[in-house]
Amino acid sequence: MKYPLMKNNITNKDTNSLISFLKKKPILTQNKMVKKFENQWSKWLGVKYSVFVNSGSSANLLSLQLLKIRHPKGGEVIVPSLTWSSDIATVLHCGFKPVFVDIDLNTLGMNTDGIIKKINKNTKAVFLSYIQGFNCLNTKLLNTLRKKKIPLIEDVCESHGATLKNKKLGSFGWTSNFSFYYAHHMSTIEGGMICTNDRLAYNNLLMLRSHGMVREMEDKSLQKKILQQNPSLDVKFIFQYAGYNVRNTEIGAVLGISQLKRLNSIVKLRTRNLKLFLDNLEDSFFYKDFLLTGSSNYAFNVILKNKNKKKFDKILKNLDKHGIEYRVGSAGGGNQLRQPYVKRLIKFKNFNNFKNVEHIHFYAFYIGNYPELAKKDILFITKVLNEGAK
């Protein structure tokens, strides 16, 4: 592909920092560099606590396991119909019922009124995904959740640095989840972060990350209390929860520390690229009315204004011809309600209630946006799209 979804975002500076670290013959499993990266990330994001894990999907899983500790009997979690599969899968794995909401086209995120309408006595959380850098959070939703005492879980995996009223997304919810996968704003090869301002939640996350072991906690008073409750067990081997091993390594942390230094500049470049892309996309063929305030673009979303399968296929064929990589359906391949893992568990037929995500599913795709894209590259891509739509 001449224009892939992402070019290698591990730079020479990153590898040099890693080489310098390795020359010291350090411990490579989770250690001091992981803690340093967590602290630096917390400061950047504006939260008290961060826990480095092996993927954004694992961060999602720990968020839902944390919710399971609060609500062992389960309940409902409101989820987007357009998101990555792990958001829905973790809800299912942890014994909650996903309640789906349609999206708004201008943010690709859940419609606020749709969320509020679905809230009831069984609602245990709202799991909000910020799709590809757009912000769908607002004060109306925050005030409603605060009033009803419903926790917000934020999926910020594709939207590092996006903001609401100059405050970073990921600092509003009970927990927030980030991904440092290869194609995202910054990368630790594989990796993720789960963040919170809740000290008890933080200590539970430390245990859940490492097999559920009490010795992983930082709260010594709570640790002592659990030890006193289990006098017959060795202090080094008390498993408080049925946890996991989703730890990351010192290598990932060193890369994360290096990449974090330029994350703000990467966000600015991606945002600049998006504006140039939209300015040169033909209005008569493509939807362009995105909410750009506070956005931190992940990819160029291309949405056909009108349902036209013939024209859509022509556009894709033209992209293939010119070596421009794309993904149909936007985030997660479109409407998650159409995926086999959901259909096996939830009997659902009326897709008319999800008209916006259905349009994205059949008449939208995204193209890679990354800092290396030059102005001439973006102008060429928009030219190919405009020609394909004629």
Protein backbone atom coordinates (compact mmCIF):
# COMPACT_ATOMS: atom_id res chain seq x y z
CA MET A 1 0.00 0.00 0.00
CA LYS A 2 1.32 3.42 -0.98
CA TYR A 3 -0.88 5.01 1.70
CA PRO A 4 -1.28 2.50 4.57
CA LEU A 5 -3.46 2.93 7.64
CA MET A 6 -0.34 3.61 9.67
CA LYS A 7 3.40 3.92 9.17
CA ASN A 8 5.87 2.68 11.77
CA ASN A 9 5.57 5.02 14.73
CA ILE A 10 8.49 3.56 16.69
CA THR A 11 11.20 6.14 15.91
CA ASN A 12 15.00 6.06 16.18
CA LYS A 13 14.70 8.11 19.37
CA ASP A 14 12.47 5.41 20.83
CA THR A 15 14.79 2.55 19.89
CA ASN A 16 17.84 4.47 21.09
CA SER A 17 16.23 5.02 24.49
CA LEU A 18 15.45 1.30 24.61
CA ILE A 19 19.03 0.35 23.63
CA SER A 20 20.44 2.63 26.35
CA PHE A 21 18.12 1.01 28.88
CA LEU A 22 19.02 -2.55 27.82
CA LYS A 23 22.76 -1.85 28.06
CA LYS A 24 22.28 -1.45 31.82
CA LYS A 25 21.20 -5.12 31.99
CA PRO A 26 18.02 -4.27 33.92
CA ILE A 27 15.09 -6.32 35.14
CA LEU A 28 12.73 -6.58 32.16
CA THR A 29 9.53 -7.70 33.84
CA GLN A 30 7.24 -5.12 35.46
CA ASN A 31 9.42 -2.92 37.67
CA LYS A 32 10.53 0.69 38.23
CA MET A 33 10.08 1.90 34.64
CA VAL A 34 6.47 0.71 34.59
CA LYS A 35 5.79 2.76 37.72
CA LYS A 36 7.57 5.77 36.22
CA PHE A 37 5.50 5.54 33.03
CA GLU A 38 2.29 5.23 35.05
CA ASN A 39 3.14 8.35 37.04
CA GLN A 40 4.03 10.36 33.95
CA TRP A 41 0.85 9.24 32.18
CA SER A 42 -1.29 10.22 35.18
CA LYS A 43 0.29 13.67 35.19
CA TRP A 44 -0.26 14.09 31.44
CA LEU A 45 -3.89 12.97 31.64
CA GLY A 46 -4.75 14.77 34.87
CA VAL A 47 -5.74 11.80 37.06
CA LYS A 48 -4.43 10.37 40.32
CA TYR A 49 -3.75 6.76 39.32
CA SER A 50 -2.82 4.77 36.22
CA VAL A 51 -2.15 1.05 35.76
CA PHE A 52 -0.09 -0.13 32.76
CA VAL A 53 -1.39 -3.34 31.16
CA ASN A 54 -0.69 -5.42 28.06
CA SER A 55 -3.48 -3.98 25.86
CA GLY A 56 -6.43 -1.63 25.67
CA SER A 57 -8.68 -4.68 25.63
CA SER A 58 -7.20 -5.77 28.96
CA ALA A 59 -7.88 -2.28 30.32
CA ASN A 60 -11.51 -2.73 29.24
CA LEU A 61 -11.62 -6.11 30.94
CA LEU A 62 -10.28 -4.79 34.24
CA SER A 63 -12.80 -1.92 34.19
CA LEU A 64 -15.66 -4.39 33.90
CA GLN A 65 -14.17 -6.72 36.51
CA LEU A 66 -13.95 -3.72 38.82
CA LEU A 67 -17.64 -3.08 38.15
CA LYS A 68 -18.31 -6.77 38.88
CA ILE A 69 -16.78 -6.33 42.35
CA ARG A 70 -19.37 -3.58 42.97
CA HIS A 71 -22.22 -5.54 41.40
CA PRO A 72 -21.56 -9.30 41.71
CA LYS A 73 -25.09 -10.10 40.55
CA GLY A 74 -24.58 -8.22 37.29
CA GLY A 75 -27.00 -5.82 35.66
CA GLU A 76 -27.09 -3.68 32.53
CA VAL A 77 -24.29 -1.67 30.95
CA ILE A 78 -25.17 0.86 28.26
CA VAL A 79 -22.82 0.43 25.30
CA PRO A 80 -22.34 1.91 21.81
CA SER A 81 -23.36 0.06 18.68
CA LEU A 82 -20.22 1.41 16.96
CA THR A 83 -17.09 0.42 18.88
CA TRP A 84 -14.34 -2.16 19.08
CA SER A 85 -15.46 -5.69 19.91
CA SER A 86 -13.61 -5.86 23.24
CA ASP A 87 -15.89 -3.20 24.73
CA ILE A 88 -18.91 -5.43 24.24
CA ALA A 89 -17.04 -8.69 24.84
CA THR A 90 -15.83 -7.60 28.29
CA VAL A 91 -19.37 -6.66 29.29
CA LEU A 92 -20.49 -10.16 28.29
CA HIS A 93 -17.49 -11.92 29.89
CA CYS A 94 -18.16 -10.20 33.22
CA GLY A 95 -21.80 -11.24 33.32
CA PHE A 96 -23.47 -7.93 32.45
CA LYS A 97 -26.13 -7.35 29.83
CA PRO A 98 -25.13 -4.89 27.08
CA VAL A 99 -27.80 -2.33 26.21
CA PHE A 100 -27.07 -0.81 22.81
CA VAL A 101 -27.55 2.81 21.75
CA ASP A 102 -27.33 4.38 18.29
CA ILE A 103 -24.70 6.97 17.45
CA ASP A 104 -24.60 10.57 16.25
CA LEU A 105 -22.94 11.01 12.87
CA ASN A 106 -21.12 14.16 13.90
CA THR A 107 -19.19 12.39 16.69
CA LEU A 108 -19.62 8.70 15.79
CA GLY A 109 -20.30 8.23 19.52
CA MET A 110 -23.43 7.32 21.44
CA ASN A 111 -26.34 9.72 21.25
CA THR A 112 -26.77 11.41 24.64
CA ASP A 113 -30.59 11.38 24.66
CA GLY A 114 -30.48 7.74 23.58
CA ILE A 115 -28.29 6.91 26.57
CA ILE A 116 -30.51 8.76 29.04
CA LYS A 117 -33.61 7.07 27.63
CA LYS A 118 -32.10 3.61 28.27
CA ILE A 119 -31.13 4.30 31.90
CA ASN A 120 -33.22 2.36 34.43
CA LYS A 121 -32.92 0.78 37.89
CA ASN A 122 -30.80 -2.06 36.46
CA THR A 123 -28.21 0.23 34.84
CA LYS A 124 -24.82 -0.29 36.50
CA ALA A 125 -22.63 1.81 34.18
CA VAL A 126 -22.40 3.70 30.91
CA PHE A 127 -19.50 2.51 28.75
CA LEU A 128 -18.72 5.40 26.41
CA SER A 129 -16.39 4.99 23.42
CA TYR A 130 -14.73 8.00 21.81
CA ILE A 131 -14.55 6.87 18.22
CA GLN A 132 -11.44 7.77 16.24
CA GLY A 133 -10.66 10.97 18.06
CA PHE A 134 -14.10 12.58 18.26
CA ASN A 135 -15.66 13.67 21.55
CA CYS A 136 -19.24 12.57 22.28
CA LEU A 137 -19.20 13.51 25.97
CA ASN A 138 -21.10 16.58 27.22
CA THR A 139 -22.23 18.22 30.46
CA LYS A 140 -25.81 17.00 30.01
CA LEU A 141 -24.70 13.37 30.18
CA LEU A 142 -22.23 14.01 33.00
CA ASN A 143 -24.87 15.78 35.09
CA THR A 144 -27.41 13.01 34.49
CA LEU A 145 -24.96 10.27 35.49
CA ARG A 146 -23.87 12.21 38.56
CA LYS A 147 -27.48 12.76 39.62
CA LYS A 148 -28.37 9.10 39.14
CA LYS A 149 -25.06 7.91 40.66
CA ILE A 150 -24.19 5.82 37.60
CA PRO A 151 -20.46 5.40 36.91
CA LEU A 152 -19.00 6.39 33.55
CA ILE A 153 -16.40 4.12 31.95
CA GLU A 154 -14.48 5.88 29.18
CA ASP A 155 -12.91 4.06 26.22
CA VAL A 156 -10.27 6.50 24.96
CA CYS A 157 -8.26 3.91 23.01
CA GLU A 158 -8.53 5.85 19.73
CA SER A 159 -8.65 9.38 21.12
CA HIS A 160 -5.56 10.27 23.16
CA GLY A 161 -5.54 13.98 23.88
CA ALA A 162 -9.15 14.70 22.92
CA THR A 163 -10.84 17.15 25.27
CA LEU A 164 -14.11 18.49 26.65
CA LYS A 165 -13.83 22.13 27.72
CA ASN A 166 -10.01 21.85 27.69
CA LYS A 167 -10.02 18.86 30.03
CA LYS A 168 -8.71 15.59 28.60
CA LEU A 169 -11.13 12.77 27.91
CA GLY A 170 -10.26 9.92 30.22
CA SER A 171 -10.25 12.17 33.28
CA PHE A 172 -14.05 12.38 33.65
CA GLY A 173 -15.11 8.81 34.36
CA TRP A 174 -14.84 6.38 37.23
CA THR A 175 -12.30 4.56 35.05
CA SER A 176 -10.87 5.20 31.60
CA ASN A 177 -9.10 2.87 29.20
CA PHE A 178 -6.35 3.61 26.68
CA SER A 179 -4.59 1.55 24.03
CA PHE A 180 -0.96 1.87 22.91
CA TYR A 181 -1.34 -0.46 19.95
CA TYR A 182 0.81 0.05 16.85
CA ALA A 183 -1.71 2.20 14.93
CA HIS A 184 -2.78 4.51 17.75
CA HIS A 185 -1.58 7.99 18.69
CA MET A 186 1.36 6.49 20.58
CA SER A 187 2.64 2.95 20.84
CA THR A 188 4.36 0.61 23.27
CA ILE A 189 4.14 -2.10 20.57
CA GLU A 190 1.26 -3.70 22.48
CA GLY A 191 -0.08 -2.10 25.62
CA GLY A 192 -2.78 -0.17 27.40
CA MET A 193 -3.52 1.93 30.47
CA ILE A 194 -6.45 2.02 32.86
CA CYS A 195 -6.90 5.22 34.88
CA THR A 196 -8.97 6.34 37.87
CA ASN A 197 -9.20 8.87 40.70
CA ASP A 198 -10.70 6.25 43.03
CA ARG A 199 -8.03 4.95 45.44
CA LEU A 200 -9.91 1.74 46.31
CA ALA A 201 -10.50 1.06 42.62
CA TYR A 202 -6.80 1.64 41.98
CA ASN A 203 -5.72 -0.90 44.56
CA ASN A 204 -8.22 -3.42 43.24
CA LEU A 205 -6.86 -2.84 39.73
CA LEU A 206 -3.32 -3.53 40.93
CA MET A 207 -4.53 -6.87 42.27
CA LEU A 208 -6.66 -7.73 39.22
CA ARG A 209 -3.71 -7.02 36.93
CA SER A 210 -1.51 -9.56 38.75
CA HIS A 211 -3.50 -12.71 39.49
CA GLY A 212 -5.59 -11.01 42.20
CA MET A 213 -2.63 -11.01 44.62
CA VAL A 214 -2.93 -8.87 47.75
CA ARG A 215 0.82 -8.14 47.78
CA GLU A 216 0.36 -5.98 44.67
CA MET A 217 -1.67 -3.38 46.60
CA GLU A 218 -0.20 -0.02 47.62
CA ASP A 219 -2.71 0.67 50.41
CA LYS A 220 -0.93 -0.96 53.37
CA SER A 221 -3.81 -0.49 55.81
CA LEU A 222 -6.23 -2.32 53.50
CA GLN A 223 -3.57 -4.94 52.81
CA LYS A 224 -3.10 -5.51 56.53
CA LYS A 225 -6.85 -5.91 57.02
CA ILE A 226 -7.04 -8.62 54.35
CA LEU A 227 -4.03 -10.40 55.86
CA GLN A 228 -5.73 -10.45 59.27
CA GLN A 229 -8.82 -12.01 57.70
CA ASN A 230 -6.73 -14.84 56.24
CA PRO A 231 -4.32 -15.98 58.99
CA SER A 232 -3.92 -19.47 57.50
CA LEU A 233 -2.45 -18.13 54.23
CA ASP A 234 1.08 -17.08 53.37
CA VAL A 235 1.26 -13.28 53.14
CA LYS A 236 2.89 -13.49 49.70
CA PHE A 237 0.18 -15.71 48.29
CA ILE A 238 -3.24 -14.38 49.13
CA PHE A 239 -5.44 -14.12 46.03
CA GLN A 240 -8.24 -11.71 46.90
CA TYR A 241 -9.90 -11.87 43.47
CA ALA A 242 -9.99 -14.25 40.53
CA GLY A 243 -7.59 -11.98 38.68
CA TYR A 244 -5.48 -12.15 35.54
CA ASN A 245 -1.93 -11.73 34.37
CA VAL A 246 -2.22 -8.70 32.10
CA ARG A 247 0.98 -6.98 33.16
CA ASN A 248 3.25 -5.19 30.72
CA THR A 249 7.04 -5.01 30.75
CA GLU A 250 9.86 -2.54 31.38
CA ILE A 251 10.50 -2.52 27.62
CA GLY A 252 6.96 -1.27 26.93
CA ALA A 253 7.29 1.33 29.66
CA VAL A 254 10.57 2.72 28.25
CA LEU A 255 8.94 3.08 24.83
CA GLY A 256 5.89 4.71 26.43
CA ILE A 257 8.00 7.27 28.31
CA SER A 258 9.84 8.13 25.09
CA GLN A 259 6.66 8.47 23.02
CA LEU A 260 4.77 10.46 25.65
CA LYS A 261 7.25 13.31 25.18
CA ARG A 262 5.88 14.00 21.68
CA LEU A 263 2.24 12.97 22.11
CA ASN A 264 0.94 16.55 22.25
CA SER A 265 2.70 17.42 18.98
CA ILE A 266 1.33 14.26 17.34
CA VAL A 267 -2.21 15.27 18.34
CA LYS A 268 -1.71 18.69 16.72
CA LEU A 269 -0.39 17.16 13.49
CA ARG A 270 -3.27 14.68 13.24
CA THR A 271 -5.79 17.48 13.85
CA ARG A 272 -4.14 19.64 11.19
CA ASN A 273 -4.29 16.75 8.74
CA LEU A 274 -7.99 16.17 9.39
CA LYS A 275 -8.91 19.81 8.73
CA LEU A 276 -7.00 19.80 5.44
CA PHE A 277 -8.67 16.52 4.49
CA LEU A 278 -12.20 17.81 5.19
CA ASP A 279 -11.55 21.14 3.46
CA ASN A 280 -10.76 19.33 0.21
CA LEU A 281 -13.43 16.63 0.35
CA GLU A 282 -16.38 17.24 -1.98
CA ASP A 283 -19.43 18.45 0.00
CA SER A 284 -22.03 17.12 -2.40
CA PHE A 285 -20.92 13.49 -2.00
CA PHE A 286 -19.54 13.17 1.51
CA TYR A 287 -20.73 13.92 5.05
CA LYS A 288 -18.44 16.52 6.64
CA ASP A 289 -20.38 17.99 9.58
CA PHE A 290 -18.18 16.47 12.31
CA LEU A 291 -17.80 18.04 15.74
CA LEU A 292 -14.13 19.04 15.64
CA THR A 293 -14.00 20.95 18.93
CA GLY A 294 -11.67 19.06 21.23
CA SER A 295 -11.04 16.27 18.72
CA SER A 296 -7.79 14.33 18.45
CA ASN A 297 -8.06 12.62 15.09
CA TYR A 298 -7.19 8.96 14.67
CA ALA A 299 -8.26 8.42 11.06
CA PHE A 300 -9.99 10.11 8.11
CA ASN A 301 -13.62 9.01 8.25
CA VAL A 302 -15.36 8.96 4.89
CA ILE A 303 -19.16 8.76 4.99
CA LEU A 304 -21.25 8.74 1.84
CA LYS A 305 -24.11 11.22 2.23
CA ASN A 306 -26.66 9.11 0.41
CA LYS A 307 -27.23 5.37 0.21
CA ASN A 308 -25.70 4.35 -3.10
CA LYS A 309 -24.05 0.92 -3.21
CA LYS A 310 -22.85 1.32 -6.78
CA LYS A 311 -21.10 4.60 -6.03
CA PHE A 312 -19.68 3.25 -2.76
CA ASP A 313 -18.13 0.27 -4.52
CA LYS A 314 -16.72 2.55 -7.22
CA ILE A 315 -15.00 4.68 -4.58
CA LEU A 316 -13.43 1.63 -2.93
CA LYS A 317 -12.25 0.30 -6.27
CA ASN A 318 -10.58 3.64 -6.99
CA LEU A 319 -8.82 3.53 -3.61
CA ASP A 320 -7.53 0.03 -4.35
CA LYS A 321 -6.26 1.20 -7.74
CA HIS A 322 -4.15 3.95 -6.13
CA GLY A 323 -2.84 1.93 -3.18
CA ILE A 324 -4.86 3.71 -0.48
CA GLU A 325 -5.67 1.40 2.42
CA TYR A 326 -9.07 1.63 4.13
CA ARG A 327 -11.41 -0.18 6.52
CA VAL A 328 -15.12 -0.43 5.75
CA GLY A 329 -17.57 0.25 8.57
CA SER A 330 -15.28 2.54 10.55
CA ALA A 331 -14.40 1.48 14.12
CA GLY A 332 -14.73 -2.24 14.72
CA GLY A 333 -16.20 -2.89 11.29
CA GLY A 334 -19.51 -1.10 11.83
CA ASN A 335 -22.61 -2.19 13.72
CA GLN A 336 -21.60 -4.59 16.49
CA LEU A 337 -25.16 -5.95 16.61
CA ARG A 338 -24.44 -7.65 13.28
CA GLN A 339 -21.38 -9.50 14.59
CA PRO A 340 -21.61 -13.29 15.21
CA TYR A 341 -20.43 -13.08 18.83
CA VAL A 342 -23.37 -10.77 19.63
CA LYS A 343 -25.97 -12.51 17.47
CA ARG A 344 -25.32 -15.83 19.22
CA LEU A 345 -26.24 -14.31 22.57
CA ILE A 346 -28.71 -11.55 21.77
CA LYS A 347 -31.68 -12.07 19.49
CA PHE A 348 -32.07 -8.78 17.64
CA LYS A 349 -33.70 -8.07 14.30
CA ASN A 350 -34.92 -4.48 14.16
CA PHE A 351 -31.94 -2.55 12.82
CA ASN A 352 -34.17 0.39 11.90
CA ASN A 353 -33.75 1.64 15.47
CA PHE A 354 -30.05 2.11 14.73
CA LYS A 355 -30.22 4.07 11.49
CA ASN A 356 -26.99 6.04 11.95
CA VAL A 357 -24.73 3.10 12.76
CA GLU A 358 -26.42 1.16 9.96
CA HIS A 359 -25.47 3.90 7.51
CA ILE A 360 -21.88 3.79 8.80
CA HIS A 361 -21.89 0.00 8.49
CA PHE A 362 -22.76 0.00 4.78
CA TYR A 363 -21.66 3.41 3.47
CA ALA A 364 -18.59 4.50 5.43
CA PHE A 365 -14.93 3.65 5.86
CA TYR A 366 -11.77 5.22 7.22
CA ILE A 367 -8.34 6.00 5.81
CA GLY A 368 -5.15 6.26 7.84
CA ASN A 369 -4.03 9.58 9.30
CA TYR A 370 -0.51 9.85 10.71
CA PRO A 371 2.07 12.64 11.22
CA GLU A 372 4.17 11.64 8.21
CA LEU A 373 1.37 12.48 5.77
CA ALA A 374 2.40 15.53 3.74
CA LYS A 375 -0.02 18.10 2.34
CA LYS A 376 0.43 16.70 -1.17
CA ASP A 377 -0.47 13.21 0.10
CA ILE A 378 -3.71 14.40 1.67
CA LEU A 379 -4.64 16.41 -1.44
CA PHE A 380 -4.00 13.34 -3.58
CA ILE A 381 -6.17 11.11 -1.36
CA THR A 382 -9.08 13.59 -1.44
CA LYS A 383 -8.70 13.87 -5.23
CA VAL A 384 -9.01 10.08 -5.57
CA LEU A 385 -12.09 10.07 -3.32
CA ASN A 386 -13.78 12.93 -5.19
CA GLU A 387 -13.11 11.33 -8.56
CA GLY A 388 -14.47 7.99 -7.38
CA ALA A 389 -17.68 9.62 -6.17
CA LYS A 390 -18.51 11.34 -9.49
